[in-house]
């Protein structure tokens, strides 16, 4: 094992896969992974979480293991006991059905926790009783939100139907009723203060999200060919529900995006590792990964392992970088509201509605399947409207 770790360390340094100061940590994570008997990825993430590791440490550990697997697959124990067969089969079924990578990861994590729970209490995992017992545990003891409970429900239901070929009985009551919550929205002045406090590439991404209403994941995955700077629009590829759409963007962002594309173009000549490509394009067009049109507008700092293929390629900037920048900007702006990156999407819809844009047009720009989903912003606009005069102000306005 030490021999392979030494070779792994040399690979990291020789191919410049990570920064030099990160090499000892990457090797340490792999050593830790091997000492635990090479658990399945989701189980290893759970172990790290229980050990009190931070999110960035867990991501770094999983990245280290993926790199190690890509170079030394023959050194890993592939015996039947090294992973849970239902999870392996489930991953395959999810990919056959073209579920997104985030959904795959979430479903596997929930099913891993479910199987661990069944093992702990010696329950038969493919029984209706165990299904009901676990969801009851989540609702009453873990006190998870209704959306989290439904997420776990859908993951385990997929496991029952597609892996065990079984339809659980009496499960309708296990779905939690989701409450109707109004989204948190900032005023135009508050958005201006937040965006003024953000700078650099992350600041540009935040401005782009507010001006187009796209999600953070959609902004991260933007490629050069998706930008139409002449018409101030952009194409969202494989958005939520695997749908494409076209949305608008602010004209003032055009020169900044042009500069960003030029930075990508100038760095392209120094990149020997291709960018990750969707579906089977890498096989159909082997050189496409080095063409400018396929490059991410906001590339990551270095190459990493593609979790869907196991190949080393270049990827987009990590969403956590943008989330941290948003958090710092909100604090710096002095706004006493809880606001995240997704809040800017809500602000886009609300402020467009306040400006008189038709609700159906906003639905298309946001990519909502149902108009009812978009109609919630009508209630937000009503709450922000100043046309209604409070009776207390009328009664005592002159005296106070």
Protein backbone atom coordinates (compact mmCIF):
# COMPACT_ATOMS: atom_id res chain seq x y z
CA UNK A 1 0.00 0.00 0.00
CA UNK A 2 2.87 2.39 0.81
CA UNK A 3 4.32 1.78 -2.64
CA UNK A 4 1.11 2.90 -4.34
CA UNK A 5 0.80 5.93 -2.06
CA UNK A 6 4.33 7.00 -3.05
CA UNK A 7 3.47 6.58 -6.74
CA UNK A 8 0.22 8.49 -6.17
CA UNK A 9 2.15 11.34 -4.55
CA UNK A 10 4.52 11.46 -7.52
CA UNK A 11 1.58 11.55 -9.96
CA UNK A 12 0.04 14.51 -8.15
CA UNK A 13 3.30 16.44 -8.29
CA UNK A 14 4.46 15.48 -11.80
CA UNK A 15 1.11 16.16 -13.49
CA UNK A 16 0.40 19.25 -11.37
CA UNK A 17 -3.06 17.95 -10.49
CA UNK A 18 -3.22 19.89 -7.21
CA UNK A 19 -1.26 22.69 -5.59
CA UNK A 20 2.01 21.56 -4.01
CA UNK A 21 0.90 22.40 -0.46
CA UNK A 22 -2.18 20.17 -0.91
CA UNK A 23 -0.25 17.01 -1.87
CA UNK A 24 0.40 15.77 1.72
CA UNK A 25 -3.28 16.20 2.58
CA UNK A 26 -4.42 14.30 -0.53
CA UNK A 27 -2.08 11.42 0.29
CA UNK A 28 -3.25 11.48 3.91
CA UNK A 29 -6.91 11.20 2.89
CA UNK A 30 -6.17 8.18 0.69
CA UNK A 31 -4.25 6.52 3.52
CA UNK A 32 -7.23 7.15 5.80
CA UNK A 33 -9.60 5.73 3.18
CA UNK A 34 -7.54 2.58 2.71
CA UNK A 35 -7.19 2.06 6.47
CA UNK A 36 -11.00 1.95 6.75
CA UNK A 37 -11.19 -0.90 4.24
CA UNK A 38 -12.10 1.20 1.17
CA UNK A 39 -15.77 1.94 1.99
CA UNK A 40 -18.31 3.02 -0.61
CA UNK A 41 -18.16 6.78 -1.32
CA UNK A 42 -21.35 7.74 0.49
CA UNK A 43 -20.37 5.64 3.50
CA UNK A 44 -16.93 7.23 3.58
CA UNK A 45 -18.52 10.69 3.49
CA UNK A 46 -20.73 9.70 6.44
CA UNK A 47 -17.66 8.49 8.37
CA UNK A 48 -15.89 11.80 7.78
CA UNK A 49 -19.00 13.72 8.85
CA UNK A 50 -19.19 11.72 12.08
CA UNK A 51 -15.51 12.43 12.72
CA UNK A 52 -16.38 16.13 12.70
CA UNK A 53 -14.70 17.01 9.41
CA UNK A 54 -15.80 20.22 7.69
CA UNK A 55 -17.53 20.28 4.31
CA UNK A 56 -14.41 21.40 2.43
CA UNK A 57 -12.40 18.62 4.07
CA UNK A 58 -14.97 16.00 3.01
CA UNK A 59 -14.89 17.33 -0.57
CA UNK A 60 -11.08 17.23 -0.57
CA UNK A 61 -11.06 13.67 0.80
CA UNK A 62 -13.51 12.42 -1.82
CA UNK A 63 -11.55 14.18 -4.55
CA UNK A 64 -8.34 12.51 -3.33
CA UNK A 65 -9.98 9.08 -3.38
CA UNK A 66 -11.41 9.64 -6.89
CA UNK A 67 -7.97 10.59 -8.20
CA UNK A 68 -6.47 7.51 -6.56
CA UNK A 69 -9.17 5.26 -8.04
CA UNK A 70 -8.59 6.68 -11.51
CA UNK A 71 -4.87 5.86 -11.41
CA UNK A 72 -4.84 2.62 -9.43
CA UNK A 73 -8.17 0.82 -9.93
CA UNK A 74 -6.44 -2.57 -9.71
CA UNK A 75 -5.19 -1.83 -6.19
CA UNK A 76 -8.68 -1.42 -4.77
CA UNK A 77 -10.54 -4.26 -3.13
CA UNK A 78 -13.43 -5.14 -5.41
CA UNK A 79 -14.69 -8.03 -3.30
CA UNK A 80 -18.46 -8.30 -2.78
CA UNK A 81 -18.15 -7.13 0.81
CA UNK A 82 -16.33 -3.89 -0.05
CA UNK A 83 -19.55 -2.05 -0.98
CA UNK A 84 -23.27 -2.43 -0.61
CA UNK A 85 -24.61 -4.13 -3.78
CA UNK A 86 -27.99 -2.30 -3.66
CA UNK A 87 -26.22 1.06 -3.80
CA UNK A 88 -24.00 -0.02 -6.69
CA UNK A 89 -27.00 -1.21 -8.66
CA UNK A 90 -28.94 1.90 -7.75
CA UNK A 91 -26.18 4.14 -9.09
CA UNK A 92 -26.31 2.25 -12.38
CA UNK A 93 -30.11 2.56 -12.61
CA UNK A 94 -29.98 6.29 -11.87
CA UNK A 95 -27.44 6.84 -14.64
CA UNK A 96 -29.41 4.74 -17.12
CA UNK A 97 -32.38 7.04 -16.46
CA UNK A 98 -30.13 10.13 -16.86
CA UNK A 99 -30.76 11.52 -13.39
CA UNK A 100 -28.59 14.53 -12.59
CA UNK A 101 -25.38 14.00 -10.65
CA UNK A 102 -26.70 15.97 -7.66
CA UNK A 103 -29.86 13.82 -7.54
CA UNK A 104 -27.74 10.66 -7.80
CA UNK A 105 -25.56 11.78 -4.90
CA UNK A 106 -28.56 12.75 -2.75
CA UNK A 107 -30.46 9.51 -3.42
CA UNK A 108 -27.41 7.37 -2.66
CA UNK A 109 -26.77 9.23 0.60
CA UNK A 110 -30.34 8.73 1.80
CA UNK A 111 -30.37 5.06 0.88
CA UNK A 112 -27.01 4.56 2.57
CA UNK A 113 -28.41 6.08 5.76
CA UNK A 114 -31.53 3.97 5.46
CA UNK A 115 -29.54 0.74 5.12
CA UNK A 116 -27.35 1.73 8.08
CA UNK A 117 -30.49 2.42 10.13
CA UNK A 118 -31.93 -1.00 9.24
CA UNK A 119 -28.65 -2.68 10.18
CA UNK A 120 -28.48 -0.84 13.49
CA UNK A 121 -31.99 -1.89 14.56
CA UNK A 122 -31.83 -5.28 12.78
CA UNK A 123 -34.73 -4.49 10.45
CA UNK A 124 -35.32 -6.18 7.12
CA UNK A 125 -34.42 -3.34 4.77
CA UNK A 126 -36.83 -4.29 1.95
CA UNK A 127 -39.85 -4.51 4.26
CA UNK A 128 -42.70 -1.98 4.38
CA UNK A 129 -42.33 -1.82 8.16
CA UNK A 130 -38.69 -0.66 7.92
CA UNK A 131 -39.66 1.99 5.33
CA UNK A 132 -42.38 3.43 7.58
CA UNK A 133 -40.21 3.17 10.70
CA UNK A 134 -37.34 5.13 9.15
CA UNK A 135 -39.52 7.98 7.87
CA UNK A 136 -41.25 8.17 11.24
CA UNK A 137 -37.80 8.38 12.83
CA UNK A 138 -36.87 11.27 10.52
CA UNK A 139 -40.08 13.18 11.25
CA UNK A 140 -40.43 12.65 15.02
CA UNK A 141 -36.89 12.16 16.30
CA UNK A 142 -34.70 13.92 13.78
CA UNK A 143 -37.40 16.58 13.23
CA UNK A 144 -36.39 17.14 9.61
CA UNK A 145 -38.22 19.61 7.38
CA UNK A 146 -41.07 18.36 5.22
CA UNK A 147 -39.00 18.85 2.05
CA UNK A 148 -36.17 16.76 3.54
CA UNK A 149 -38.61 14.02 4.55
CA UNK A 150 -40.04 13.90 1.02
CA UNK A 151 -36.54 13.80 -0.44
CA UNK A 152 -35.72 10.73 1.69
CA UNK A 153 -39.10 9.22 0.75
CA UNK A 154 -38.42 9.55 -2.99
CA UNK A 155 -34.91 8.09 -2.68
CA UNK A 156 -35.99 5.02 -0.72
CA UNK A 157 -39.04 4.54 -2.95
CA UNK A 158 -36.67 4.43 -5.95
CA UNK A 159 -34.66 1.75 -4.13
CA UNK A 160 -37.80 -0.35 -3.51
CA UNK A 161 -39.25 -0.02 -7.00
CA UNK A 162 -36.14 -0.25 -9.17
CA UNK A 163 -33.74 -2.43 -7.17
CA UNK A 164 -35.96 -4.70 -5.11
CA UNK A 165 -38.85 -4.65 -7.65
CA UNK A 166 -41.34 -4.11 -4.85
CA UNK A 167 -44.16 -1.62 -4.38
CA UNK A 168 -44.39 -0.57 -0.70
CA UNK A 169 -47.92 -0.63 0.72
CA UNK A 170 -49.65 2.11 2.71
CA UNK A 171 -47.03 4.72 1.95
CA UNK A 172 -49.22 7.64 0.90
CA UNK A 173 -49.44 8.87 4.47
CA UNK A 174 -45.64 9.03 4.68
CA UNK A 175 -45.40 11.95 2.29
CA UNK A 176 -45.14 15.19 4.25
CA UNK A 177 -47.33 18.11 3.29
CA UNK A 178 -45.08 20.96 2.25
CA UNK A 179 -46.06 24.35 3.68
CA UNK A 180 -46.40 27.28 1.33
CA UNK A 181 -43.54 29.65 2.19
CA UNK A 182 -42.97 33.03 0.65
CA UNK A 183 -39.42 33.40 -0.67
CA UNK A 184 -37.07 35.87 0.97
CA UNK A 185 -36.63 38.87 -1.33
CA UNK A 186 -34.41 41.95 -1.07
CA UNK A 187 -35.43 45.41 -2.20
CA UNK A 188 -33.68 46.84 -5.29
CA UNK A 189 -31.57 49.09 -3.03
CA UNK A 190 -30.53 46.13 -0.87
CA UNK A 191 -29.54 44.14 -3.98
CA UNK A 192 -27.46 47.09 -5.17
CA UNK A 193 -25.63 47.24 -1.82
CA UNK A 194 -24.93 43.50 -1.88
CA UNK A 195 -23.63 43.54 -5.46
CA UNK A 196 -21.44 46.57 -4.74
CA UNK A 197 -19.83 44.59 -1.91
CA UNK A 198 -19.00 41.68 -4.28
CA UNK A 199 -16.09 41.82 -6.70
CA UNK A 200 -14.02 39.65 -9.01
CA UNK A 201 -15.31 36.58 -10.84
CA UNK A 202 -17.71 35.64 -8.04
CA UNK A 203 -19.13 39.16 -8.11
CA UNK A 204 -19.70 38.80 -11.86
CA UNK A 205 -21.51 35.50 -11.31
CA UNK A 206 -23.77 37.10 -8.68
CA UNK A 207 -24.61 39.98 -11.04
CA UNK A 208 -25.33 37.50 -13.83
CA UNK A 209 -27.69 35.49 -11.61
CA UNK A 210 -29.61 38.61 -10.61
CA UNK A 211 -29.83 39.91 -14.18
CA UNK A 212 -30.98 36.62 -15.71
CA UNK A 213 -32.74 34.71 -12.92
CA UNK A 214 -30.67 31.56 -13.47
CA UNK A 215 -29.79 29.13 -10.68
CA UNK A 216 -26.27 28.92 -9.25
CA UNK A 217 -25.74 25.48 -10.80
CA UNK A 218 -26.84 26.85 -14.19
CA UNK A 219 -24.48 29.84 -13.91
CA UNK A 220 -21.57 27.55 -12.97
CA UNK A 221 -22.17 25.28 -15.98
CA UNK A 222 -22.37 28.09 -18.56
CA UNK A 223 -20.12 27.49 -21.56
CA UNK A 224 -18.74 30.10 -23.93
CA UNK A 225 -21.12 29.07 -26.72
CA UNK A 226 -24.13 29.64 -24.41
CA UNK A 227 -23.52 33.40 -24.33
CA UNK A 228 -25.16 35.63 -26.93
CA UNK A 229 -23.55 38.94 -26.00
CA UNK A 230 -24.88 40.76 -29.04
CA UNK A 231 -28.51 40.12 -28.07
CA UNK A 232 -27.85 40.19 -24.30
CA UNK A 233 -29.22 36.69 -23.77
CA UNK A 234 -27.91 33.33 -22.71
CA UNK A 235 -28.94 29.70 -23.16
CA UNK A 236 -29.39 27.43 -20.16
CA UNK A 237 -28.60 23.83 -21.09
CA UNK A 238 -30.02 20.88 -19.16
CA UNK A 239 -31.56 22.99 -16.43
CA UNK A 240 -33.84 21.64 -13.74
CA UNK A 241 -35.87 18.81 -15.23
CA UNK A 242 -33.23 18.47 -17.99
CA UNK A 243 -34.84 21.34 -19.92
CA UNK A 244 -33.20 24.02 -22.08
CA UNK A 245 -34.32 27.62 -22.13
CA UNK A 246 -33.20 31.10 -23.15
CA UNK A 247 -33.19 34.02 -20.73
CA UNK A 248 -32.05 37.64 -20.67
CA UNK A 249 -29.04 39.31 -19.08
CA UNK A 250 -28.03 42.86 -18.27
CA UNK A 251 -26.41 44.89 -21.06
CA UNK A 252 -23.92 46.37 -18.59
CA UNK A 253 -22.46 42.87 -18.07
CA UNK A 254 -21.43 42.45 -21.72
CA UNK A 255 -17.93 44.04 -21.46
CA UNK A 256 -17.19 42.09 -18.26
CA UNK A 257 -18.24 38.80 -19.86
CA UNK A 258 -16.20 39.61 -22.96
CA UNK A 259 -13.18 40.10 -20.73
CA UNK A 260 -13.91 36.81 -18.95
CA UNK A 261 -14.13 34.92 -22.26
CA UNK A 262 -10.80 36.44 -23.33
CA UNK A 263 -9.21 35.20 -20.10
CA UNK A 264 -10.52 31.72 -20.87
CA UNK A 265 -9.18 31.99 -24.44
CA UNK A 266 -5.72 33.06 -23.26
CA UNK A 267 -5.54 30.18 -20.77
CA UNK A 268 -6.70 27.61 -23.29
CA UNK A 269 -3.29 27.34 -24.98
CA UNK A 270 -1.68 26.32 -21.68
CA UNK A 271 -4.26 23.62 -20.88
CA UNK A 272 -3.36 20.10 -21.94
CA UNK A 273 -6.30 18.53 -20.07
CA UNK A 274 -9.68 18.89 -21.87
CA UNK A 275 -12.82 20.29 -20.31
CA UNK A 276 -15.57 17.89 -19.23
CA UNK A 277 -18.19 17.36 -21.92
CA UNK A 278 -21.86 16.35 -21.68
CA UNK A 279 -23.06 12.80 -22.46
CA UNK A 280 -21.17 11.05 -25.28
CA UNK A 281 -19.65 14.10 -26.97
CA UNK A 282 -16.19 13.21 -25.67
CA UNK A 283 -16.24 10.00 -27.72
CA UNK A 284 -17.83 11.55 -30.79
CA UNK A 285 -15.56 14.62 -30.88
CA UNK A 286 -12.27 13.80 -29.11
CA UNK A 287 -10.83 17.30 -29.65
CA UNK A 288 -13.94 19.23 -28.61
CA UNK A 289 -12.75 19.44 -24.99
CA UNK A 290 -9.93 21.78 -26.08
CA UNK A 291 -12.10 24.07 -28.24
CA UNK A 292 -13.07 27.51 -26.92
CA UNK A 293 -16.81 27.12 -27.50
CA UNK A 294 -17.01 24.18 -25.05
CA UNK A 295 -15.01 25.85 -22.27
CA UNK A 296 -16.75 26.93 -19.09
CA UNK A 297 -17.16 30.70 -18.79
CA UNK A 298 -16.16 30.39 -15.14
CA UNK A 299 -13.56 27.57 -15.01
CA UNK A 300 -12.22 25.98 -11.86
CA UNK A 301 -8.68 26.48 -10.60
CA UNK A 302 -7.39 23.11 -11.82
CA UNK A 303 -8.28 19.67 -13.14
CA UNK A 304 -10.25 17.17 -11.11
CA UNK A 305 -11.97 13.81 -11.49
CA UNK A 306 -15.29 13.78 -13.32
CA UNK A 307 -17.57 11.93 -10.85
CA UNK A 308 -19.77 10.57 -13.62
CA UNK A 309 -16.98 9.05 -15.74
CA UNK A 310 -13.94 8.86 -13.47
CA UNK A 311 -11.83 10.72 -16.07
CA UNK A 312 -9.58 13.64 -15.19
CA UNK A 313 -10.78 16.82 -16.87
CA UNK A 314 -11.27 20.52 -16.28
CA UNK A 315 -14.46 21.67 -14.58
CA UNK A 316 -16.33 24.83 -13.67
CA UNK A 317 -15.76 26.86 -10.52
CA UNK A 318 -17.14 25.25 -7.38
CA UNK A 319 -20.53 26.64 -6.26
CA UNK A 320 -19.28 27.01 -2.68
CA UNK A 321 -16.93 29.80 -3.82
CA UNK A 322 -19.92 31.84 -4.99
CA UNK A 323 -21.93 31.03 -1.86
CA UNK A 324 -19.12 32.24 0.38
CA UNK A 325 -18.75 35.44 -1.67
CA UNK A 326 -22.49 36.08 -1.32
CA UNK A 327 -22.32 35.54 2.43
CA UNK A 328 -19.44 38.01 2.77
CA UNK A 329 -21.24 40.57 0.58
CA UNK A 330 -24.45 40.37 2.64
CA UNK A 331 -22.48 40.93 5.85
CA UNK A 332 -20.49 43.80 4.33
CA UNK A 333 -23.67 45.48 3.05
CA UNK A 334 -25.12 45.62 6.58
CA UNK A 335 -28.43 44.04 5.56
CA UNK A 336 -30.24 42.36 8.43
CA UNK A 337 -31.88 39.72 6.27
CA UNK A 338 -31.03 36.11 5.59
CA UNK A 339 -30.04 36.03 1.93
CA UNK A 340 -28.23 33.44 -0.18
CA UNK A 341 -27.34 33.15 -3.84
CA UNK A 342 -30.78 31.74 -4.69
CA UNK A 343 -32.31 34.89 -3.17
CA UNK A 344 -31.04 36.79 -6.22
CA UNK A 345 -33.17 34.55 -8.44
CA UNK A 346 -36.22 35.42 -6.33
CA UNK A 347 -35.25 39.11 -6.54
CA UNK A 348 -35.02 38.88 -10.34
CA UNK A 349 -38.57 37.51 -10.61
CA UNK A 350 -40.05 39.93 -8.06
CA UNK A 351 -38.38 43.05 -9.46
CA UNK A 352 -39.34 42.08 -13.03
CA UNK A 353 -42.94 41.72 -11.88
CA UNK A 354 -42.78 45.10 -10.15
CA UNK A 355 -41.52 46.59 -13.41
CA UNK A 356 -44.65 45.36 -15.20
CA UNK A 357 -43.28 42.28 -17.00
CA UNK A 358 -45.97 39.69 -17.77
CA UNK A 359 -46.14 36.74 -15.36
CA UNK A 360 -46.10 34.18 -18.20
CA UNK A 361 -42.93 35.72 -19.62
CA UNK A 362 -41.27 35.53 -16.20
CA UNK A 363 -42.32 31.86 -16.01
CA UNK A 364 -40.48 31.16 -19.27
CA UNK A 365 -37.37 33.07 -18.17
CA UNK A 366 -37.22 31.17 -14.88
CA UNK A 367 -37.97 27.80 -16.50
CA UNK A 368 -40.92 27.00 -14.23
CA UNK A 369 -43.03 24.06 -15.37
CA UNK A 370 -46.21 25.42 -13.82
CA UNK A 371 -47.51 28.97 -13.72
CA UNK A 372 -48.63 28.33 -10.13
CA UNK A 373 -44.98 28.18 -9.09
CA UNK A 374 -44.40 31.65 -10.56
CA UNK A 375 -47.60 33.08 -9.08
CA UNK A 376 -46.07 33.04 -5.60
CA UNK A 377 -44.15 36.19 -6.56
CA UNK A 378 -47.47 38.02 -6.84
CA UNK A 379 -47.84 37.64 -3.07
CA UNK A 380 -44.29 38.91 -2.55
CA UNK A 381 -44.97 41.99 -4.69
CA UNK A 382 -48.19 42.62 -2.80
CA UNK A 383 -46.26 42.52 0.48
CA UNK A 384 -43.66 44.99 -0.84
CA UNK A 385 -46.25 47.36 -2.27
CA UNK A 386 -46.75 50.73 -0.57
CA UNK A 387 -50.17 51.51 -2.06
CA UNK A 388 -52.03 50.37 1.06
CA UNK A 389 -51.95 52.91 3.87
CA UNK A 390 -51.93 51.48 7.38
CA UNK A 391 -54.94 52.66 9.49
CA UNK A 392 -52.66 53.39 12.47
CA UNK A 393 -50.65 55.83 10.35
CA UNK A 394 -53.90 57.54 9.29
CA UNK A 395 -55.16 57.73 12.85
CA UNK A 396 -52.06 58.92 14.64
CA UNK A 397 -49.77 60.15 11.87
CA UNK A 398 -50.19 63.79 12.79
CA UNK A 399 -49.51 63.25 16.49
CA UNK A 400 -46.42 61.00 16.26
